Amino acid sequence: MSFERADFRAYQDRRKKERVQERQAELRQVAQAAPAMTVLTGHSEWDTFLAVLEAMKQQAEKALLMVQANLAQSFELEPTQLVSRKVQAMMIQERIAVIEEIIAKPAELLEAGKKAQEMVDAAERE
């Protein structure tokens, strides 16, 4: 059994439509989240929340610098202290990453919502 190019393209188009239809509910939910993020980020309370997050991030960055400075003098540390400081540094780095992710999430949801709406609109036109 052989496929012609046109048959293959038709198959690809059909699979694409099926995948979009399967994801319609998910895409609609993502698209509906975008206006909520616009409302959220438009409030002064959001700016206050961001200021708190920025302060937390700066505090964590200072703590990380202190731990890293302590690690730089690792020749004075016992092996258990060295491991403890390394774990502490990793935990602080993760805290910073989580704060950055929280700060970025509304913008990511806005962008994802726009893309999802475009996909839903394109699927409905077909």
Protein backbone atom coordinates (compact mmCIF):
# COMPACT_ATOMS: atom_id res chain seq x y z
CA MET A 1 0.00 0.00 0.00
CA SER A 2 1.47 3.32 -0.98
CA PHE A 3 0.47 6.85 -0.14
CA GLU A 4 0.34 9.73 -2.51
CA ARG A 5 1.58 13.11 -1.30
CA ALA A 6 -1.97 14.50 -1.35
CA ASP A 7 -3.20 11.57 0.76
CA PHE A 8 -0.45 12.15 3.28
CA ARG A 9 -1.24 15.89 3.53
CA ALA A 10 -4.92 15.10 3.94
CA TYR A 11 -4.04 12.68 6.72
CA GLN A 12 -1.86 15.31 8.44
CA ASP A 13 -4.61 17.92 8.19
CA ARG A 14 -7.18 15.49 9.58
CA ARG A 15 -4.88 14.56 12.53
CA LYS A 16 -4.21 18.23 13.24
CA LYS A 17 -7.94 18.98 13.38
CA GLU A 18 -8.50 15.99 15.65
CA ARG A 19 -5.74 17.10 18.03
CA VAL A 20 -7.11 20.65 18.18
CA GLN A 21 -10.62 19.33 18.81
CA GLU A 22 -9.32 17.08 21.59
CA ARG A 23 -7.67 20.09 23.22
CA GLN A 24 -10.58 22.52 22.72
CA ALA A 25 -11.67 22.45 26.37
CA GLU A 26 -8.14 22.94 27.63
CA LEU A 27 -7.47 25.73 25.13
CA ARG A 28 -10.70 27.48 26.12
CA GLN A 29 -9.72 27.38 29.81
CA VAL A 30 -6.32 28.86 29.05
CA ALA A 31 -7.92 31.52 26.87
CA GLN A 32 -10.36 32.39 29.67
CA ALA A 33 -7.52 32.83 32.16
CA ALA A 34 -5.98 35.67 30.15
CA PRO A 35 -8.64 38.30 30.98
CA ALA A 36 -8.43 37.33 34.65
CA MET A 37 -4.67 37.96 34.56
CA THR A 38 -5.30 41.36 32.97
CA VAL A 39 -7.67 42.25 35.80
CA LEU A 40 -5.27 40.88 38.41
CA THR A 41 -2.24 42.75 37.18
CA GLY A 42 -4.23 45.95 36.74
CA HIS A 43 -4.88 46.38 40.47
CA SER A 44 -2.67 48.33 42.84
CA GLU A 45 -2.77 45.33 45.19
CA TRP A 46 -0.85 43.36 42.57
CA ASP A 47 1.86 46.02 42.57
CA THR A 48 2.04 45.75 46.36
CA PHE A 49 2.30 41.97 46.09
CA LEU A 50 5.08 42.33 43.52
CA ALA A 51 6.94 44.72 45.82
CA VAL A 52 6.75 42.13 48.62
CA LEU A 53 7.99 39.41 46.27
CA GLU A 54 10.86 41.61 45.08
CA ALA A 55 11.85 42.28 48.69
CA MET A 56 11.76 38.54 49.42
CA LYS A 57 13.88 37.89 46.34
CA GLN A 58 16.45 40.50 47.33
CA GLN A 59 16.63 39.07 50.85
CA ALA A 60 17.16 35.58 49.44
CA GLU A 61 19.85 36.84 47.06
CA LYS A 62 21.71 38.45 49.98
CA ALA A 63 21.43 35.22 51.96
CA LEU A 64 22.76 33.29 48.98
CA LEU A 65 25.75 35.61 48.71
CA MET A 66 26.49 35.06 52.41
CA VAL A 67 26.29 31.28 52.04
CA GLN A 68 28.46 31.38 48.93
CA ALA A 69 31.03 33.53 50.75
CA ASN A 70 30.99 30.98 53.55
CA LEU A 71 31.49 28.20 50.99
CA ALA A 72 34.45 30.09 49.55
CA GLN A 73 36.14 29.51 52.89
CA SER A 74 35.31 25.83 52.77
CA PHE A 75 38.79 24.82 53.86
CA GLU A 76 37.77 25.95 57.36
CA LEU A 77 34.56 23.90 57.40
CA GLU A 78 33.98 20.36 58.56
CA PRO A 79 32.63 18.02 55.86
CA THR A 80 29.16 17.98 57.43
CA GLN A 81 29.14 21.79 57.60
CA LEU A 82 30.23 21.97 53.98
CA VAL A 83 27.38 19.71 52.87
CA SER A 84 24.97 21.68 55.01
CA ARG A 85 26.05 24.98 53.41
CA LYS A 86 25.74 23.50 49.92
CA VAL A 87 22.22 22.28 50.67
CA GLN A 88 21.37 25.67 52.11
CA ALA A 89 22.66 27.38 48.94
CA MET A 90 20.57 25.08 46.74
CA MET A 91 17.45 25.75 48.83
CA ILE A 92 17.95 29.50 48.56
CA GLN A 93 18.49 29.22 44.81
CA GLU A 94 15.22 27.30 44.53
CA ARG A 95 13.44 29.93 46.63
CA ILE A 96 14.67 32.62 44.24
CA ALA A 97 13.54 30.56 41.23
CA VAL A 98 10.05 30.09 42.71
CA ILE A 99 9.70 33.81 43.42
CA GLU A 100 10.77 34.62 39.86
CA GLU A 101 8.26 32.11 38.52
CA ILE A 102 5.44 33.64 40.58
CA ILE A 103 6.34 37.08 39.28
CA ALA A 104 6.40 35.89 35.66
CA LYS A 105 3.29 33.66 35.75
CA PRO A 106 0.61 36.29 34.93
CA ALA A 107 2.50 37.45 31.83
CA GLU A 108 2.99 33.82 30.77
CA LEU A 109 -0.73 33.13 31.22
CA LEU A 110 -1.62 36.22 29.21
CA GLU A 111 0.59 35.10 26.34
CA ALA A 112 -0.64 31.50 26.53
CA GLY A 113 -4.23 32.76 26.61
CA LYS A 114 -3.73 34.79 23.44
CA LYS A 115 -2.19 31.81 21.65
CA ALA A 116 -4.93 29.48 22.88
CA GLN A 117 -7.63 31.88 21.70
CA GLU A 118 -5.97 32.09 18.29
CA MET A 119 -5.95 28.29 18.06
CA VAL A 120 -9.61 28.06 19.11
CA ASP A 121 -10.58 30.73 16.59
CA ALA A 122 -8.63 28.99 13.82
CA ALA A 123 -10.25 25.66 14.65
CA GLU A 124 -13.72 27.20 14.59
CA ARG A 125 -13.11 28.80 11.18
CA GLU A 126 -12.19 25.45 9.65
